[in-house]
Amino acid sequence: MAETMTANNNADMMTPEVISVTTARVACDGGGGPLGHPLVWLTLGTDGEVTCPYCSRRYVRGAGGDDD
């Protein structure tokens, strides 16, 4: 999955990608390639989401997730 950043219409700031997942644990490498980062495993919190500390991608539990 390639990392995508979208321009905010109100400013020139970039908004991190939000990824819908169906598992309680996810792996993030920042999209790989020269703009990637080391592979890290993240566990969704009780609120059903987690943010990668390297690239700020936000992983959010979608419908049909497991209960790990």
Protein backbone atom coordinates (compact mmCIF):
# COMPACT_ATOMS: atom_id res chain seq x y z
CA MET A 1 0.00 0.00 0.00
CA ALA A 2 1.54 3.30 -1.00
CA GLU A 3 1.47 6.20 1.40
CA THR A 4 -0.72 9.01 0.20
CA MET A 5 -0.85 12.52 1.52
CA THR A 6 -3.63 14.92 0.62
CA ALA A 7 -3.35 18.66 0.53
CA ASN A 8 -5.62 20.51 2.93
CA ASN A 9 -7.72 23.05 1.02
CA ASN A 10 -7.52 25.56 3.88
CA ALA A 11 -3.73 25.50 4.15
CA ASP A 12 -0.63 24.03 2.58
CA MET A 13 -0.39 21.44 5.36
CA MET A 14 -0.41 17.74 4.54
CA THR A 15 -2.89 15.31 6.13
CA PRO A 16 -1.64 11.79 6.97
CA GLU A 17 -3.36 8.82 5.39
CA VAL A 18 -6.15 7.05 7.32
CA ILE A 19 -6.24 3.29 6.73
CA SER A 20 -9.22 1.10 7.57
CA VAL A 21 -8.16 -2.30 8.98
CA THR A 22 -9.93 -5.45 10.15
CA THR A 23 -7.30 -6.74 12.58
CA ALA A 24 -6.20 -5.58 16.02
CA ARG A 25 -2.49 -5.61 15.03
CA VAL A 26 -1.05 -3.90 11.97
CA ALA A 27 2.41 -3.57 10.46
CA CYS A 28 3.59 -0.20 9.13
CA ASP A 29 6.71 0.52 7.08
CA GLY A 30 5.74 3.99 5.92
CA GLY A 31 5.06 2.78 2.41
CA GLY A 32 8.53 1.37 1.82
CA GLY A 33 11.05 2.73 -0.61
CA PRO A 34 13.25 5.74 0.17
CA LEU A 35 10.47 7.49 2.11
CA GLY A 36 9.67 4.49 4.31
CA HIS A 37 10.78 3.67 7.84
CA PRO A 38 11.65 0.51 9.83
CA LEU A 39 8.81 -2.01 10.05
CA VAL A 40 6.87 -1.57 13.28
CA TRP A 41 3.94 -3.57 14.66
CA LEU A 42 1.15 -1.52 16.20
CA THR A 43 -1.83 -2.64 18.29
CA LEU A 44 -5.13 -0.80 18.04
CA GLY A 45 -6.23 0.79 21.30
CA THR A 46 -9.58 0.40 23.03
CA ASP A 47 -10.88 3.23 20.84
CA GLY A 48 -10.20 1.11 17.74
CA GLU A 49 -7.36 3.16 16.31
CA VAL A 50 -3.59 3.71 16.47
CA THR A 51 -1.21 6.25 14.92
CA CYS A 52 2.23 5.26 13.65
CA PRO A 53 4.92 7.14 15.60
CA TYR A 54 7.15 7.35 12.51
CA CYS A 55 4.89 8.49 9.67
CA SER A 56 1.64 9.49 11.44
CA ARG A 57 -0.49 7.10 9.38
CA ARG A 58 -3.70 6.46 11.30
CA TYR A 59 -5.08 2.92 11.38
CA VAL A 60 -8.78 2.66 12.23
CA ARG A 61 -10.79 -0.53 12.79
CA GLY A 62 -13.44 -0.92 10.09
CA ALA A 63 -16.51 -3.12 10.07
CA GLY A 64 -15.95 -6.87 10.43
CA GLY A 65 -12.82 -6.62 12.60
CA ASP A 66 -11.58 -9.43 14.83
CA ASP A 67 -11.45 -9.33 18.62
CA ASP A 68 -7.71 -10.02 19.18
